[in-house]
Amino acid sequence: MTRQRQLKALEEEYIELLLDALKRCAAGKSGLFGQNDATIATLNKHMQKRLTSSDASELLDLGDQITMLRSRLGYSEPFAPHARLMEVRSSHHANTPGEPKLAQIWLKDMTGLC
């Protein structure tokens, strides 16, 4: 498989995983946007593992692979869905909506894209 095809496959997989994760998050499963990561980091390793979002971990790992491959192929722009996830995960303010609301907004935005 060429690197271009590999990149396309990874990006398609990312979008599928993201949509599934957003749906679960919109239904009430927290952790995708990392709003509780600072608190989770203070807990023991067993509790951290139990409370860390598998959706977030999987998307972050896949996003890193995509970023690395895009760089090797000479792309200067980031993969937009992953860039947005990283932006939302790093933006926690007092008035930031809760994770289910953020997921609902993002799903609504994506409706016309998929």
N, C-alpha and C. Protein backbone atom coordinates (compact mmCIF):
# COMPACT_ATOMS: atom_id res chain seq x y z
N MET A 1 0.84 -1.18 0.00
CA MET A 1 0.00 0.00 0.00
C MET A 1 0.89 1.24 0.00
N THR A 2 0.59 2.16 -0.88
CA THR A 2 1.38 3.39 -0.92
C THR A 2 1.07 4.24 0.31
N ARG A 3 1.95 5.17 0.59
CA ARG A 3 1.74 6.04 1.75
C ARG A 3 0.49 6.90 1.57
N GLN A 4 0.20 7.32 0.34
CA GLN A 4 -1.00 8.11 0.09
C GLN A 4 -2.26 7.30 0.43
N ARG A 5 -2.28 6.06 0.00
CA ARG A 5 -3.43 5.19 0.29
C ARG A 5 -3.53 4.91 1.79
N GLN A 6 -2.37 4.71 2.41
CA GLN A 6 -2.35 4.47 3.85
C GLN A 6 -2.92 5.69 4.59
N LEU A 7 -2.51 6.88 4.16
CA LEU A 7 -3.01 8.10 4.79
C LEU A 7 -4.52 8.21 4.62
N LYS A 8 -5.00 7.96 3.41
CA LYS A 8 -6.44 8.04 3.15
C LYS A 8 -7.20 7.04 4.03
N ALA A 9 -6.67 5.84 4.16
CA ALA A 9 -7.32 4.81 4.98
C ALA A 9 -7.34 5.23 6.46
N LEU A 10 -6.22 5.77 6.95
CA LEU A 10 -6.15 6.21 8.35
C LEU A 10 -7.12 7.36 8.61
N GLU A 11 -7.19 8.30 7.67
CA GLU A 11 -8.09 9.44 7.84
C GLU A 11 -9.55 9.00 7.81
N GLU A 12 -9.88 8.05 6.95
CA GLU A 12 -11.25 7.52 6.91
C GLU A 12 -11.58 6.79 8.22
N GLU A 13 -10.63 6.02 8.71
CA GLU A 13 -10.83 5.31 9.99
C GLU A 13 -11.03 6.32 11.12
N TYR A 14 -10.25 7.39 11.09
CA TYR A 14 -10.35 8.43 12.12
C TYR A 14 -11.76 9.03 12.13
N ILE A 15 -12.27 9.37 10.95
CA ILE A 15 -13.60 9.97 10.85
C ILE A 15 -14.65 9.02 11.40
N GLU A 16 -14.57 7.74 11.07
CA GLU A 16 -15.52 6.75 11.59
C GLU A 16 -15.45 6.67 13.11
N LEU A 17 -14.23 6.58 13.64
CA LEU A 17 -14.06 6.52 15.09
C LEU A 17 -14.56 7.79 15.76
N LEU A 18 -14.27 8.93 15.15
CA LEU A 18 -14.69 10.21 15.71
C LEU A 18 -16.22 10.29 15.77
N LEU A 19 -16.88 9.92 14.70
CA LEU A 19 -18.35 9.96 14.69
C LEU A 19 -18.94 9.06 15.77
N ASP A 20 -18.42 7.86 15.89
CA ASP A 20 -18.90 6.93 16.92
C ASP A 20 -18.64 7.51 18.32
N ALA A 21 -17.45 8.07 18.53
CA ALA A 21 -17.10 8.64 19.83
C ALA A 21 -17.98 9.84 20.15
N LEU A 22 -18.23 10.69 19.16
CA LEU A 22 -19.09 11.85 19.38
C LEU A 22 -20.51 11.42 19.75
N LYS A 23 -21.01 10.39 19.10
CA LYS A 23 -22.35 9.89 19.42
C LYS A 23 -22.42 9.36 20.86
N ARG A 24 -21.39 8.61 21.26
CA ARG A 24 -21.36 8.10 22.64
C ARG A 24 -21.24 9.26 23.63
N CYS A 25 -20.42 10.24 23.29
CA CYS A 25 -20.24 11.39 24.17
C CYS A 25 -21.53 12.20 24.28
N ALA A 26 -22.20 12.42 23.16
CA ALA A 26 -23.47 13.15 23.16
C ALA A 26 -24.52 12.44 24.00
N ALA A 27 -24.39 11.12 24.09
CA ALA A 27 -25.33 10.32 24.90
C ALA A 27 -24.94 10.28 26.38
N GLY A 28 -23.81 10.91 26.73
CA GLY A 28 -23.44 11.02 28.13
C GLY A 28 -22.12 10.40 28.55
N LYS A 29 -21.41 9.73 27.65
CA LYS A 29 -20.12 9.13 28.01
C LYS A 29 -19.05 10.23 27.98
N SER A 30 -18.45 10.51 29.10
CA SER A 30 -17.48 11.61 29.17
C SER A 30 -16.06 11.14 28.89
N GLY A 31 -15.19 12.10 28.69
CA GLY A 31 -13.77 11.82 28.53
C GLY A 31 -13.21 12.17 27.17
N LEU A 32 -14.03 12.26 26.15
CA LEU A 32 -13.54 12.54 24.81
C LEU A 32 -12.82 13.87 24.74
N PHE A 33 -13.34 14.87 25.41
CA PHE A 33 -12.77 16.21 25.33
C PHE A 33 -11.84 16.54 26.49
N GLY A 34 -11.58 15.58 27.36
CA GLY A 34 -10.57 15.72 28.39
C GLY A 34 -10.89 16.72 29.48
N GLN A 35 -12.16 17.02 29.70
CA GLN A 35 -12.49 18.03 30.70
C GLN A 35 -12.15 17.58 32.12
N ASN A 36 -12.02 16.29 32.34
CA ASN A 36 -11.69 15.80 33.68
C ASN A 36 -10.28 15.21 33.76
N ASP A 37 -9.49 15.40 32.72
CA ASP A 37 -8.15 14.79 32.69
C ASP A 37 -7.26 15.24 33.84
N ALA A 38 -7.33 16.51 34.22
CA ALA A 38 -6.49 17.01 35.31
C ALA A 38 -6.83 16.31 36.62
N THR A 39 -8.09 16.10 36.87
CA THR A 39 -8.52 15.41 38.08
C THR A 39 -8.13 13.94 38.02
N ILE A 40 -8.34 13.31 36.88
CA ILE A 40 -8.00 11.90 36.72
C ILE A 40 -6.50 11.68 36.94
N ALA A 41 -5.68 12.63 36.52
CA ALA A 41 -4.22 12.51 36.66
C ALA A 41 -3.78 12.47 38.12
N THR A 42 -4.61 12.94 39.04
CA THR A 42 -4.24 12.94 40.46
C THR A 42 -4.55 11.61 41.14
N LEU A 43 -5.25 10.72 40.45
CA LEU A 43 -5.66 9.44 41.02
C LEU A 43 -4.59 8.38 40.84
N ASN A 44 -4.76 7.26 41.52
CA ASN A 44 -3.80 6.17 41.36
C ASN A 44 -3.92 5.56 39.95
N LYS A 45 -2.91 4.83 39.56
CA LYS A 45 -2.83 4.28 38.19
C LYS A 45 -4.04 3.43 37.82
N HIS A 46 -4.51 2.63 38.74
CA HIS A 46 -5.67 1.77 38.48
C HIS A 46 -6.89 2.62 38.13
N MET A 47 -7.13 3.65 38.92
CA MET A 47 -8.29 4.51 38.68
C MET A 47 -8.10 5.33 37.39
N GLN A 48 -6.87 5.77 37.13
CA GLN A 48 -6.61 6.50 35.89
C GLN A 48 -6.98 5.65 34.68
N LYS A 49 -6.52 4.40 34.70
CA LYS A 49 -6.80 3.51 33.58
C LYS A 49 -8.30 3.28 33.43
N ARG A 50 -8.97 3.13 34.54
CA ARG A 50 -10.41 2.87 34.53
C ARG A 50 -11.21 4.07 34.03
N LEU A 51 -10.77 5.28 34.34
CA LEU A 51 -11.54 6.47 34.02
C LEU A 51 -11.12 7.19 32.74
N THR A 52 -9.97 6.82 32.20
CA THR A 52 -9.51 7.45 30.97
C THR A 52 -10.35 6.96 29.80
N SER A 53 -10.74 7.89 28.95
CA SER A 53 -11.58 7.57 27.81
C SER A 53 -10.82 6.76 26.77
N SER A 54 -11.32 5.56 26.47
CA SER A 54 -10.70 4.75 25.43
C SER A 54 -10.92 5.40 24.06
N ASP A 55 -12.06 6.09 23.89
CA ASP A 55 -12.31 6.81 22.63
C ASP A 55 -11.24 7.87 22.42
N ALA A 56 -10.97 8.66 23.45
CA ALA A 56 -9.97 9.72 23.33
C ALA A 56 -8.59 9.13 23.06
N SER A 57 -8.23 8.10 23.80
CA SER A 57 -6.91 7.48 23.62
C SER A 57 -6.73 6.97 22.20
N GLU A 58 -7.75 6.30 21.69
CA GLU A 58 -7.67 5.74 20.33
C GLU A 58 -7.56 6.85 19.29
N LEU A 59 -8.36 7.90 19.44
CA LEU A 59 -8.30 9.01 18.49
C LEU A 59 -6.98 9.78 18.57
N LEU A 60 -6.47 9.95 19.78
CA LEU A 60 -5.19 10.65 19.92
C LEU A 60 -4.05 9.85 19.29
N ASP A 61 -4.04 8.54 19.50
CA ASP A 61 -3.01 7.68 18.90
C ASP A 61 -3.11 7.70 17.37
N LEU A 62 -4.32 7.55 16.86
CA LEU A 62 -4.51 7.55 15.42
C LEU A 62 -4.18 8.92 14.84
N GLY A 63 -4.54 9.97 15.54
CA GLY A 63 -4.21 11.32 15.10
C GLY A 63 -2.71 11.54 15.01
N ASP A 64 -1.97 11.00 15.97
CA ASP A 64 -0.50 11.09 15.93
C ASP A 64 0.06 10.37 14.70
N GLN A 65 -0.49 9.20 14.39
CA GLN A 65 -0.04 8.45 13.21
C GLN A 65 -0.31 9.26 11.93
N ILE A 66 -1.50 9.86 11.85
CA ILE A 66 -1.87 10.65 10.69
C ILE A 66 -0.95 11.86 10.56
N THR A 67 -0.70 12.54 11.67
CA THR A 67 0.17 13.71 11.67
C THR A 67 1.56 13.35 11.18
N MET A 68 2.10 12.23 11.66
CA MET A 68 3.42 11.79 11.26
C MET A 68 3.47 11.45 9.77
N LEU A 69 2.46 10.74 9.29
CA LEU A 69 2.43 10.35 7.89
C LEU A 69 2.23 11.57 6.99
N ARG A 70 1.38 12.50 7.40
CA ARG A 70 1.18 13.73 6.62
C ARG A 70 2.50 14.50 6.52
N SER A 71 3.24 14.53 7.60
CA SER A 71 4.53 15.22 7.60
C SER A 71 5.51 14.55 6.63
N ARG A 72 5.56 13.23 6.65
CA ARG A 72 6.45 12.49 5.74
C ARG A 72 6.07 12.72 4.28
N LEU A 73 4.77 12.93 4.02
CA LEU A 73 4.31 13.16 2.65
C LEU A 73 4.40 14.63 2.24
N GLY A 74 4.84 15.47 3.16
CA GLY A 74 5.05 16.88 2.83
C GLY A 74 3.85 17.79 3.00
N TYR A 75 2.80 17.30 3.65
CA TYR A 75 1.63 18.15 3.91
C TYR A 75 1.97 19.14 5.03
N SER A 76 1.70 20.39 4.80
CA SER A 76 1.98 21.38 5.83
C SER A 76 0.75 21.65 6.70
N GLU A 77 -0.45 21.44 6.14
CA GLU A 77 -1.66 21.69 6.91
C GLU A 77 -2.01 20.45 7.74
N PRO A 78 -2.58 20.67 8.92
CA PRO A 78 -2.96 19.53 9.76
C PRO A 78 -4.22 18.86 9.24
N PHE A 79 -4.47 17.66 9.71
CA PHE A 79 -5.71 16.94 9.44
C PHE A 79 -6.78 17.64 10.28
N ALA A 80 -7.70 18.32 9.63
CA ALA A 80 -8.64 19.22 10.29
C ALA A 80 -9.43 18.60 11.45
N PRO A 81 -9.99 17.39 11.29
CA PRO A 81 -10.75 16.83 12.43
C PRO A 81 -9.89 16.62 13.68
N HIS A 82 -8.65 16.18 13.48
CA HIS A 82 -7.77 15.97 14.64
C HIS A 82 -7.34 17.31 15.23
N ALA A 83 -7.07 18.27 14.37
CA ALA A 83 -6.70 19.60 14.86
C ALA A 83 -7.83 20.18 15.71
N ARG A 84 -9.06 19.99 15.27
CA ARG A 84 -10.20 20.50 16.02
C ARG A 84 -10.33 19.77 17.35
N LEU A 85 -10.16 18.45 17.35
CA LEU A 85 -10.23 17.70 18.60
C LEU A 85 -9.18 18.20 19.58
N MET A 86 -7.98 18.41 19.11
CA MET A 86 -6.90 18.89 19.98
C MET A 86 -7.21 20.29 20.52
N GLU A 87 -7.79 21.12 19.68
CA GLU A 87 -8.16 22.47 20.11
C GLU A 87 -9.22 22.43 21.20
N VAL A 88 -10.25 21.62 20.99
CA VAL A 88 -11.33 21.53 21.98
C VAL A 88 -10.80 20.91 23.27
N ARG A 89 -9.94 19.90 23.16
CA ARG A 89 -9.39 19.26 24.36
C ARG A 89 -8.52 20.20 25.17
N SER A 90 -7.93 21.20 24.54
CA SER A 90 -7.05 22.12 25.27
C SER A 90 -7.76 23.39 25.73
N SER A 91 -9.03 23.52 25.39
CA SER A 91 -9.77 24.73 25.69
C SER A 91 -10.82 24.46 26.77
N HIS A 92 -10.43 24.68 28.01
CA HIS A 92 -11.35 24.46 29.13
C HIS A 92 -11.45 25.75 29.93
N HIS A 93 -12.59 26.39 29.82
CA HIS A 93 -12.85 27.62 30.53
C HIS A 93 -14.10 27.44 31.39
N ALA A 94 -14.36 28.38 32.26
CA ALA A 94 -15.52 28.28 33.14
C ALA A 94 -16.82 28.19 32.35
N ASN A 95 -16.88 28.81 31.19
CA ASN A 95 -18.12 28.81 30.41
C ASN A 95 -18.12 27.79 29.28
N THR A 96 -17.15 26.89 29.26
CA THR A 96 -17.13 25.84 28.25
C THR A 96 -18.29 24.89 28.49
N PRO A 97 -19.06 24.60 27.44
CA PRO A 97 -20.17 23.65 27.62
C PRO A 97 -19.64 22.28 28.04
N GLY A 98 -20.49 21.48 28.63
CA GLY A 98 -20.12 20.13 29.02
C GLY A 98 -19.85 19.26 27.79
N GLU A 99 -19.22 18.14 28.02
CA GLU A 99 -18.82 17.27 26.92
C GLU A 99 -20.00 16.81 26.06
N PRO A 100 -21.13 16.39 26.65
CA PRO A 100 -22.25 15.98 25.77
C PRO A 100 -22.71 17.11 24.86
N LYS A 101 -22.76 18.32 25.37
CA LYS A 101 -23.20 19.46 24.55
C LYS A 101 -22.16 19.74 23.45
N LEU A 102 -20.89 19.70 23.78
CA LEU A 102 -19.84 19.89 22.77
C LEU A 102 -19.96 18.85 21.66
N ALA A 103 -20.21 17.60 22.05
CA ALA A 103 -20.35 16.52 21.07
C ALA A 103 -21.57 16.75 20.19
N GLN A 104 -22.67 17.18 20.78
CA GLN A 104 -23.88 17.46 20.00
C GLN A 104 -23.63 18.56 18.98
N ILE A 105 -22.93 19.61 19.39
CA ILE A 105 -22.61 20.72 18.48
C ILE A 105 -21.75 20.21 17.33
N TRP A 106 -20.74 19.43 17.65
CA TRP A 106 -19.83 18.93 16.61
C TRP A 106 -20.56 17.99 15.66
N LEU A 107 -21.39 17.12 16.19
CA LEU A 107 -22.18 16.22 15.33
C LEU A 107 -23.08 17.01 14.38
N LYS A 108 -23.68 18.05 14.89
CA LYS A 108 -24.54 18.90 14.05
C LYS A 108 -23.71 19.53 12.94
N ASP A 109 -22.51 19.99 13.26
CA ASP A 109 -21.60 20.59 12.27
C ASP A 109 -21.20 19.57 11.19
N MET A 110 -21.04 18.31 11.59
CA MET A 110 -20.58 17.28 10.67
C MET A 110 -21.69 16.70 9.81
N THR A 111 -22.93 16.96 10.15
CA THR A 111 -24.05 16.36 9.43
C THR A 111 -23.95 16.54 7.92
N GLY A 112 -23.59 17.70 7.49
CA GLY A 112 -23.48 17.96 6.06
C GLY A 112 -22.20 17.45 5.43
N LEU A 113 -21.23 17.02 6.26
CA LEU A 113 -19.92 16.62 5.75
C LEU A 113 -19.81 15.13 5.48
N CYS A 114 -20.66 14.32 6.10
CA CYS A 114 -20.52 12.87 5.98
C CYS A 114 -21.68 12.25 5.25
